[in-house]
Protein backbone atom coordinates (compact mmCIF):
# COMPACT_ATOMS: atom_id res chain seq x y z
CA MET A 1 33.17 -20.88 17.55
CA TYR A 2 36.50 -21.38 15.81
CA ILE A 3 38.18 -20.56 12.50
CA SER A 4 38.00 -23.51 10.15
CA ARG A 5 39.55 -22.13 6.98
CA ILE A 6 41.27 -19.01 5.63
CA THR A 7 41.37 -18.45 1.86
CA LEU A 8 43.57 -15.70 0.40
CA ARG A 9 43.74 -14.46 -3.19
CA ASP A 10 46.30 -11.89 -4.35
CA TRP A 11 46.87 -10.83 -0.75
CA LYS A 12 50.39 -9.55 -0.28
CA ALA A 13 52.80 -12.48 -0.81
CA TYR A 14 49.94 -14.97 -1.23
CA GLN A 15 48.80 -15.26 -4.82
CA SER A 16 46.47 -18.08 -3.79
CA ALA A 17 46.53 -19.85 -0.42
CA ILE A 18 44.21 -21.92 1.78
CA PHE A 19 44.82 -22.56 5.47
CA GLU A 20 42.83 -25.32 7.16
CA PHE A 21 42.44 -25.58 10.94
CA PRO A 22 41.21 -28.64 12.85
CA ALA A 23 38.12 -28.69 15.04
CA PRO A 24 38.71 -28.35 18.80
CA ASP A 25 39.12 -31.55 20.77
CA PRO A 26 35.85 -31.97 22.74
CA SER A 27 37.78 -33.27 25.75
CA GLY A 28 40.40 -30.54 25.61
CA GLY A 29 38.14 -27.51 25.85
CA GLY A 30 39.66 -25.69 22.85
CA ASN A 31 42.49 -25.43 20.34
CA ILE A 32 45.79 -23.66 20.60
CA ILE A 33 47.28 -23.33 17.11
CA LEU A 34 50.78 -21.98 16.60
CA ILE A 35 51.87 -20.57 13.24
CA GLY A 36 55.61 -20.33 12.95
CA ALA A 37 57.94 -19.27 10.15
CA PRO A 38 61.08 -17.18 9.64
CA ASN A 39 60.78 -13.43 9.33
CA GLY A 40 59.32 -12.31 6.01
CA TYR A 41 57.39 -15.51 5.32
CA GLY A 42 53.94 -13.97 5.76
CA LYS A 43 52.90 -14.52 9.38
CA THR A 44 51.95 -10.87 9.84
CA SER A 45 50.25 -10.83 6.41
CA LEU A 46 48.07 -13.72 7.52
CA PHE A 47 47.17 -11.88 10.75
CA GLU A 48 46.33 -8.72 8.79
CA ALA A 49 44.14 -10.74 6.43
CA ILE A 50 42.13 -12.11 9.39
CA VAL A 51 41.72 -8.67 10.98
CA LEU A 52 40.75 -6.74 7.84
CA GLY A 53 38.65 -9.63 6.54
CA MET A 54 36.50 -9.41 9.66
CA PHE A 55 36.48 -5.67 10.42
CA GLY A 56 37.52 -3.85 7.25
CA ARG A 57 38.56 -0.29 7.93
CA ASP A 58 37.71 -0.65 11.63
CA GLY A 59 40.44 -3.29 12.00
CA LEU A 60 43.23 -1.04 10.75
CA SER A 61 43.91 0.23 14.27
CA LEU A 62 44.93 -3.31 15.27
CA ILE A 63 47.62 -3.25 12.61
CA ALA A 64 48.87 0.29 12.29
CA ARG A 65 49.60 1.01 15.99
CA SER A 66 50.03 -0.71 19.30
CA PRO A 67 46.58 -1.94 20.45
CA PHE A 68 47.01 -0.67 24.03
CA SER A 69 48.88 2.55 23.40
CA GLY A 70 46.22 4.59 25.24
CA ASN A 71 47.07 7.70 23.24
CA GLU A 72 43.65 8.83 21.93
CA LYS A 73 45.17 11.56 19.74
CA GLU A 74 47.59 9.28 17.99
CA GLN A 75 46.85 9.15 14.27
CA LEU A 76 46.99 5.92 12.31
CA ALA A 77 50.42 5.40 10.77
CA THR A 78 48.93 4.74 7.37
CA SER A 79 45.56 5.17 5.71
CA TYR A 80 43.28 2.30 4.86
CA GLN A 81 43.61 2.98 1.15
CA GLU A 82 47.41 3.12 1.22
CA PHE A 83 47.56 -0.10 3.19
CA LEU A 84 45.33 -1.93 0.71
CA GLU A 85 47.28 -0.64 -2.27
CA ARG A 86 50.42 -2.17 -0.75
CA ALA A 87 48.51 -5.35 0.11
CA LEU A 88 47.62 -6.23 -3.50
CA HIS A 89 49.86 -9.00 -4.82
CA ARG A 90 52.52 -7.48 -7.02
CA GLY A 91 51.86 -9.87 -9.88
CA ALA A 92 48.11 -9.34 -9.96
CA HIS A 93 48.08 -6.34 -12.33
CA SER A 94 50.43 -7.89 -14.82
CA ALA A 95 48.16 -10.96 -14.90
CA GLY A 96 45.05 -8.81 -15.49
CA ARG A 97 43.61 -9.22 -11.98
CA ASN A 98 42.38 -6.02 -10.32
CA SER A 99 41.12 -7.32 -6.99
CA CYS A 100 42.17 -9.23 -3.88
CA SER A 101 40.04 -11.08 -1.36
CA VAL A 102 40.03 -12.70 2.07
CA LYS A 103 37.54 -15.42 2.95
CA LEU A 104 37.14 -16.60 6.57
CA LYS A 105 35.13 -19.69 7.47
CA PHE A 106 33.96 -20.16 11.07
CA ILE A 107 32.19 -23.11 12.72
CA ASP A 108 29.82 -22.24 15.57
CA ASP A 109 28.95 -24.31 18.64
CA ASP A 110 26.20 -26.10 16.68
CA ASP A 111 28.69 -27.13 13.95
CA ALA A 112 27.00 -24.71 11.53
CA PRO A 113 29.37 -22.87 9.16
CA LEU A 114 29.56 -19.08 8.86
CA GLU A 115 31.56 -17.62 5.98
CA ILE A 116 32.72 -14.01 5.61
CA GLN A 117 34.35 -12.80 2.40
CA ARG A 118 35.67 -9.31 1.75
CA ILE A 119 36.80 -8.20 -1.71
CA TRP A 120 38.77 -5.04 -2.56
CA HIS A 121 38.95 -3.66 -6.11
CA PHE A 122 41.67 -1.55 -7.80
CA ASN A 123 41.86 0.48 -10.99
CA ASP A 124 44.41 -0.08 -13.74
CA SER A 125 46.91 2.21 -12.05
CA GLY A 126 46.72 0.25 -8.76
CA ALA A 127 44.63 2.75 -6.78
CA CYS A 128 42.17 1.11 -4.39
CA LEU A 129 38.49 1.82 -5.10
CA LEU A 130 37.21 2.06 -1.54
CA ASN A 131 33.59 2.64 -2.58
CA ASP A 132 33.62 -0.68 -4.46
CA GLU A 133 34.58 -2.76 -1.42
CA GLU A 134 32.31 -5.82 -1.17
CA VAL A 135 31.30 -7.94 1.82
CA PHE A 136 29.50 -11.28 1.56
CA ILE A 137 28.22 -13.37 4.49
CA HIS A 138 26.82 -16.88 4.07
CA GLU A 139 25.21 -18.94 6.84
CA GLY A 140 24.68 -22.66 7.27
CA SER A 141 25.45 -25.63 5.09
CA THR A 142 23.25 -24.19 2.32
CA ARG A 143 25.36 -20.99 2.29
CA ARG A 144 22.32 -18.75 2.70
CA ALA A 145 23.32 -15.18 1.89
CA VAL A 146 22.43 -12.54 4.51
CA GLY A 147 22.52 -8.78 4.22
CA PRO A 148 20.66 -5.55 4.95
CA ASP A 149 17.29 -4.54 3.59
CA ALA A 150 16.93 -1.72 1.11
CA GLY A 151 17.68 1.69 2.60
CA TYR A 152 19.96 0.38 5.36
CA SER A 153 23.69 1.16 5.38
CA ARG A 154 25.54 -2.00 4.32
CA ALA A 155 28.68 -1.03 6.26
CA ASP A 156 26.73 -0.45 9.48
CA TRP A 157 24.67 -3.63 9.02
CA PHE A 158 27.75 -5.87 8.50
CA ARG A 159 29.57 -4.18 11.41
CA ASP A 160 26.60 -4.93 13.72
CA TYR A 161 26.27 -8.48 12.40
CA ILE A 162 29.95 -9.29 13.03
CA ALA A 163 29.81 -7.70 16.48
CA LYS A 164 26.78 -9.83 17.46
CA ASN A 165 27.92 -13.13 15.95
CA LEU A 166 31.74 -12.94 16.26
CA LEU A 167 33.45 -10.08 18.06
CA PRO A 168 32.99 -6.29 18.35
CA PHE A 169 36.01 -4.53 16.90
CA THR A 170 36.21 -2.40 20.05
CA LEU A 171 37.12 -5.57 22.01
CA ALA A 172 39.38 -7.05 19.35
CA HIS A 173 42.51 -5.60 21.07
CA PHE A 174 42.11 -8.23 23.77
CA PHE A 175 42.04 -11.18 21.40
CA MET A 176 43.74 -10.26 18.13
CA PHE A 177 47.41 -9.22 18.04
CA ASP A 178 50.51 -10.67 16.39
CA GLY A 179 53.86 -11.57 17.94
CA GLU A 180 55.41 -8.20 17.23
CA ASN A 181 52.92 -6.56 19.57
CA VAL A 182 53.40 -8.98 22.44
CA SER A 183 56.36 -7.07 23.86
CA ALA A 184 54.44 -3.77 23.66
CA LEU A 185 51.54 -5.46 25.40
CA ALA A 186 53.75 -6.72 28.18
CA GLU A 187 55.24 -3.26 28.72
CA GLN A 188 51.82 -1.65 29.08
CA GLU A 189 50.65 -0.80 32.58
CA MET A 190 47.79 -2.91 33.81
CA ALA A 191 45.70 0.21 34.50
CA ALA A 192 45.97 1.31 30.88
CA GLN A 193 44.95 -2.15 29.69
CA VAL A 194 41.97 -2.24 32.04
CA ARG A 195 40.89 1.26 31.00
CA THR A 196 41.09 0.33 27.33
CA GLY A 197 39.06 -2.84 27.95
CA ILE A 198 36.33 -0.99 29.86
CA GLU A 199 36.12 1.65 27.15
CA GLY A 200 35.75 -1.10 24.57
CA LEU A 201 32.95 -2.76 26.52
CA LEU A 202 31.11 0.56 26.84
CA GLY A 203 31.57 1.40 23.17
CA ILE A 204 33.51 4.56 23.94
CA PRO A 205 35.77 4.19 20.87
CA VAL A 206 32.69 4.27 18.70
CA LEU A 207 31.46 7.41 20.45
CA LYS A 208 34.85 9.05 20.02
CA LYS A 209 34.86 8.19 16.35
CA LEU A 210 31.36 9.64 16.05
CA ALA A 211 32.46 12.82 17.84
CA ASP A 212 35.38 13.17 15.40
CA ASP A 213 33.03 12.74 12.45
CA LEU A 214 30.66 15.36 13.88
CA ARG A 215 33.54 17.82 14.36
CA ASP A 216 34.64 17.24 10.77
CA TYR A 217 31.08 17.78 9.56
CA ALA A 218 30.72 21.01 11.57
CA ARG A 219 34.07 22.24 10.25
CA ASP A 220 33.01 21.55 6.66
CA ARG A 221 29.68 23.30 7.18
CA GLN A 222 31.40 26.30 8.73
CA ARG A 223 33.82 26.46 5.84
CA ASP A 224 30.98 26.42 3.30
CA ALA A 225 28.76 28.89 5.20
CA PRO A 226 30.33 32.24 4.09
CA ARG A 227 29.46 31.64 0.46
CA GLY A 228 25.71 31.98 1.14
CA ALA A 229 25.68 33.56 4.59
CA ASP A 230 24.85 37.10 3.47
CA LYS A 231 21.94 35.99 1.35
CA THR A 232 20.63 33.78 4.16
CA ILE A 233 20.81 36.63 6.68
CA GLU A 234 18.97 38.92 4.28
CA ASN A 235 16.17 36.38 3.81
CA LEU A 236 15.90 35.85 7.55
CA GLU A 237 15.68 39.61 8.16
CA ARG A 238 12.84 39.90 5.64
CA GLU A 239 10.98 37.01 7.26
CA LEU A 240 11.48 38.60 10.70
CA GLU A 241 10.12 41.90 9.45
CA ALA A 242 7.03 40.22 7.98
CA LEU A 243 6.41 38.29 11.18
CA THR A 244 6.74 41.48 13.22
CA ARG A 245 4.12 43.23 11.09
CA ASP A 246 1.79 40.27 11.39
CA TYR A 247 2.25 40.25 15.16
CA GLU A 248 1.43 43.96 15.42
CA GLU A 249 -1.73 43.55 13.30
CA LYS A 250 -2.97 40.67 15.41
CA SER A 251 -2.19 42.60 18.61
CA ASP A 252 -4.31 45.52 17.39
CA ARG A 253 -7.14 43.14 16.49
CA LEU A 254 -6.96 41.56 19.93
CA LYS A 255 -7.37 44.96 21.56
CA GLU A 256 -10.49 45.56 19.45
CA ILE A 257 -12.25 42.35 20.42
CA GLU A 258 -11.25 42.25 24.07
CA PRO A 259 -14.47 44.08 25.21
CA ASP A 260 -16.59 41.54 23.28
CA LEU A 261 -14.62 38.69 24.80
CA VAL A 262 -15.42 39.95 28.30
CA ARG A 263 -19.13 40.24 27.45
CA TYR A 264 -19.29 36.79 25.84
CA LYS A 265 -17.47 35.29 28.76
CA GLY A 266 -20.07 36.71 31.18
CA GLU A 267 -22.91 35.40 28.98
CA ARG A 268 -21.35 31.95 28.89
CA GLU A 269 -21.07 31.87 32.67
CA ARG A 270 -24.72 32.97 33.03
CA LEU A 271 -25.95 30.23 30.68
CA THR A 272 -23.79 27.67 32.44
CA ARG A 273 -25.32 28.56 35.82
CA GLN A 274 -28.83 28.48 34.35
CA LEU A 275 -28.23 25.04 32.84
CA ALA A 276 -26.83 23.75 36.13
CA SER A 277 -29.96 25.00 37.98
CA PHE A 278 -32.24 22.82 35.87
CA GLY A 279 -31.20 19.66 37.70
CA ALA A 280 -31.43 16.04 36.60
CA GLY A 281 -35.26 16.07 36.31
CA SER A 282 -35.29 19.03 33.96
CA GLN A 283 -32.62 17.42 31.81
CA ALA A 284 -34.67 14.20 31.57
CA LEU A 285 -37.77 16.23 30.62
CA LEU A 286 -35.77 18.05 27.96
CA GLN A 287 -34.63 14.71 26.52
CA GLU A 288 -38.23 13.43 26.46
CA GLN A 289 -39.45 16.57 24.70
CA TYR A 290 -36.69 16.26 22.16
CA GLU A 291 -37.73 12.66 21.38
CA GLN A 292 -41.39 13.73 21.04
CA LYS A 293 -40.33 16.42 18.64
CA GLU A 294 -38.51 13.87 16.51
CA ASP A 295 -41.61 11.61 16.47
CA LEU A 296 -43.82 14.50 15.36
CA ASN A 297 -41.35 15.45 12.64
CA GLN A 298 -41.50 11.86 11.42
CA GLN A 299 -45.31 11.99 11.30
CA VAL A 300 -45.17 15.26 9.35
CA ARG A 301 -42.84 13.70 6.81
CA GLU A 302 -45.16 10.66 6.45
CA ASN A 303 -48.23 12.89 5.95
CA HIS A 304 -46.37 14.90 3.32
CA ARG A 305 -45.59 11.69 1.50
CA LYS A 306 -49.26 10.59 1.59
CA MET A 307 -50.40 14.02 0.37
CA GLU A 308 -47.97 13.87 -2.55
CA ASP A 309 -49.27 10.39 -3.40
CA LEU A 310 -52.90 11.65 -3.42
CA LEU A 311 -52.01 14.64 -5.59
CA LEU A 312 -50.14 12.53 -8.10
CA LYS A 313 -52.57 9.57 -8.34
CA SER A 314 -56.09 10.41 -7.11
CA PHE A 315 -56.63 14.15 -7.22
CA ALA A 316 -56.88 14.50 -11.00
CA MET A 317 -59.28 11.53 -11.19
CA ALA A 318 -61.50 12.97 -8.48
CA LEU A 319 -61.72 16.30 -10.34
CA SER A 320 -62.80 14.63 -13.61
CA GLY A 321 -66.36 13.88 -12.36
CA PRO A 322 -68.55 10.75 -12.77
CA ALA A 323 -70.00 11.73 -16.19
CA LEU A 324 -66.56 12.02 -17.78
CA ARG A 325 -65.43 8.84 -16.12
CA THR A 326 -68.57 7.01 -17.39
CA ARG A 327 -68.02 8.14 -21.00
CA CYS A 328 -64.35 7.25 -20.75
CA ARG A 329 -65.20 3.80 -19.39
CA GLU A 330 -67.71 3.17 -22.23
CA ARG A 331 -65.14 4.28 -24.78
CA LEU A 332 -62.49 2.03 -23.28
CA GLU A 333 -64.94 -0.92 -23.25
CA SER A 334 -65.80 -0.37 -26.93
CA GLU A 335 -62.09 -0.20 -27.75
CA GLY A 336 -61.66 -3.43 -25.81
CA VAL A 337 -64.38 -5.06 -27.97
CA ARG A 338 -62.61 -3.87 -31.11
CA ASP A 339 -59.30 -5.14 -29.79
CA ARG A 340 -60.79 -8.63 -29.15
CA TRP A 341 -62.56 -8.60 -32.56
CA GLU A 342 -59.32 -7.68 -34.38
CA ASN A 343 -57.35 -10.31 -32.50
CA GLY A 344 -59.97 -12.98 -33.38
CA LYS A 345 -60.11 -11.89 -37.04
CA ALA A 346 -56.31 -11.95 -37.28
CA GLN A 347 -56.24 -15.43 -35.80
CA GLY A 348 -59.04 -16.55 -38.22
CA ASP A 349 -57.22 -15.11 -41.22
CA SER A 350 -54.16 -17.13 -40.27
CA ASN A 351 -56.32 -20.33 -40.35
CA MET A 352 -58.30 -19.54 -43.56
CA ASP A 353 -55.76 -21.20 -45.86
CA ARG A 354 -55.98 -24.40 -43.85
CA PHE A 355 -59.82 -24.24 -44.07
CA LEU A 356 -59.76 -23.79 -47.85
CA ASP A 357 -57.28 -26.62 -48.22
CA ALA A 358 -59.64 -28.85 -46.25
CA VAL A 359 -62.63 -27.80 -48.45
CA GLU A 360 -60.66 -28.42 -51.61
CA ALA A 361 -59.67 -31.86 -50.36
CA GLY A 362 -63.34 -32.66 -49.66
CA ILE A 363 -64.38 -31.56 -53.17
CA GLY A 364 -62.26 -34.32 -54.58
CA SER A 365 -64.49 -36.98 -53.01
CA ILE A 366 -67.72 -35.62 -54.58
CA ALA A 367 -69.24 -37.83 -57.29
CA PRO A 368 -69.68 -37.09 -60.04
CA THR A 369 -66.48 -35.07 -60.16
CA LEU A 370 -66.94 -31.28 -60.32
CA THR A 371 -65.66 -29.29 -63.22
CA GLU A 372 -62.90 -26.72 -62.70
CA ASN A 373 -65.37 -23.83 -62.74
CA GLN A 374 -67.60 -25.61 -60.26
CA ARG A 375 -64.64 -26.30 -57.98
CA GLU A 376 -63.53 -22.61 -58.08
CA SER A 377 -67.11 -21.52 -57.39
CA VAL A 378 -67.31 -23.75 -54.33
CA LEU A 379 -63.96 -22.40 -53.01
CA ASP A 380 -65.03 -18.75 -53.55
CA THR A 381 -68.28 -19.45 -51.70
CA ALA A 382 -66.37 -21.02 -48.82
CA ARG A 383 -63.96 -18.02 -48.72
CA ARG A 384 -66.83 -15.49 -48.58
CA ALA A 385 -68.54 -17.54 -45.89
CA TRP A 386 -65.35 -17.51 -43.81
CA GLU A 387 -64.97 -13.75 -44.14
CA LEU A 388 -68.61 -13.21 -43.14
CA LEU A 389 -67.75 -14.76 -39.78
CA TRP A 390 -65.94 -11.42 -38.94
CA SER A 391 -68.17 -8.97 -40.72
CA PRO A 392 -69.76 -6.80 -39.75
CA PRO A 393 -67.93 -5.94 -36.46
CA PRO A 394 -69.79 -6.92 -33.30
CA GLU A 395 -72.18 -4.59 -31.52
CA GLY A 396 -70.48 -2.04 -29.29
CA CYS A 397 -67.23 -2.16 -31.25
CA ALA A 398 -65.38 1.16 -31.53
CA GLU A 399 -64.59 2.43 -35.00
CA SER A 400 -61.01 3.36 -33.98
CA TYR A 401 -58.67 3.68 -30.98
CA LEU A 402 -58.55 6.89 -28.95
CA HIS A 403 -56.76 5.36 -25.97
CA PRO A 404 -54.40 2.69 -27.35
CA TYR A 405 -52.08 3.18 -24.38
CA LEU A 406 -54.78 1.79 -22.02
CA ASN A 407 -55.56 -1.35 -24.01
CA GLU A 408 -54.12 -4.47 -22.42
CA PRO A 409 -53.88 -8.07 -23.65
CA GLU A 410 -56.03 -9.15 -20.69
CA PRO A 411 -59.54 -7.65 -20.67
CA ALA A 412 -59.53 -7.85 -16.88
CA GLY A 413 -57.00 -5.04 -16.75
CA LEU A 414 -59.12 -2.67 -18.76
CA SER A 415 -62.26 -3.67 -16.85
CA THR A 416 -60.52 -2.96 -13.57
CA ILE A 417 -59.59 0.54 -14.74
CA CYS A 418 -63.11 1.31 -15.85
CA LYS A 419 -64.70 0.06 -12.64
CA THR A 420 -62.27 2.09 -10.60
CA TRP A 421 -63.09 5.26 -12.48
CA ILE A 422 -66.85 4.83 -12.28
CA ARG A 423 -66.80 4.19 -8.54
CA TRP A 424 -64.74 7.30 -7.78
CA PRO A 425 -66.81 9.74 -5.68
CA ARG A 426 -67.88 13.05 -7.04
CA PRO A 427 -65.73 15.88 -5.58
CA THR A 428 -67.57 18.29 -3.30
CA SER A 429 -67.15 22.03 -3.44
């Protein structure tokens, strides 16, 4: 992987600048690119842009102090915020621009581009807004944006991504330093350089930074503790007192039930021995008896169901007696005759008009022609003759309905009910 392009905007002396770098010669094994210029022409600014563009705050140690100093207690010469406030191009504010950016484009071994852009924002007075720092990473020729999922720290995610795909900042001392640090590097003892490199490989700088953060957190918590310490101690003392009382009550209860526990324990052991003495045969017999019991219970439930069915459907009919059932059957049959007679009469009434129309049409063919009175007389006679077809009601026809709920359109249904009732045996005492 190699740097293909560096784009700067409002970074120190660079209002807008683009630096292009050629691809490595495949036969040469790599590129060696020298950037030369007189003092004050921005060589160090370009180096700082590369370092902070990749690592952000983590890269400040590569700029603010000698990378192999070995002095773990040495504080950074300047803060990240102060450095960035001095890095903003002096003409940016006057032109209405309140941000600066560094964009680094890399090409990996598969010729796929990887672009990292970091943007810093400032307020109108020139103060850097560290919480508004933005990082954007795009992969491939389609510039697919990558980033953390919701709930994940963006700073941690980008730090891990750059460490996996480019270079961990703990190892950057070996590969990233400007010309001003070369002499300091040469003066360093080899042992110090090796120690620093091993620590970087093991991630010890990260652990040390974490330890410092934990100490700061503990110090802040200790400083805030006195404000609520007395109240907290009071609450804890009350909780301890309540727990002590609860413990004493449960101890007294345990003393009360200890004799019962001994007795129940002996009973359990006796039953366990008795069960063990039964043997496999007794256990099989017990299982068989249990299954028989379930079968008998099932038979009892089935008999209960049959008994309920008899009580609901047949018991009342059996108690009624054959005489009552006979009279009821005769009544139902007479009501059936009336039902058929009424249905036939209703059907005949619906056809009477058609019959009279046919008679009237036949009168017209009589010669000599009938007078009006004669024609009306013939029609009245035909009407009375039609009505006499349904009067009087047939023999065995009931005068009214006592059991309309048992009458069915099909006579077979009523007949079946009557036959069933008459055949029912007389109950015995």
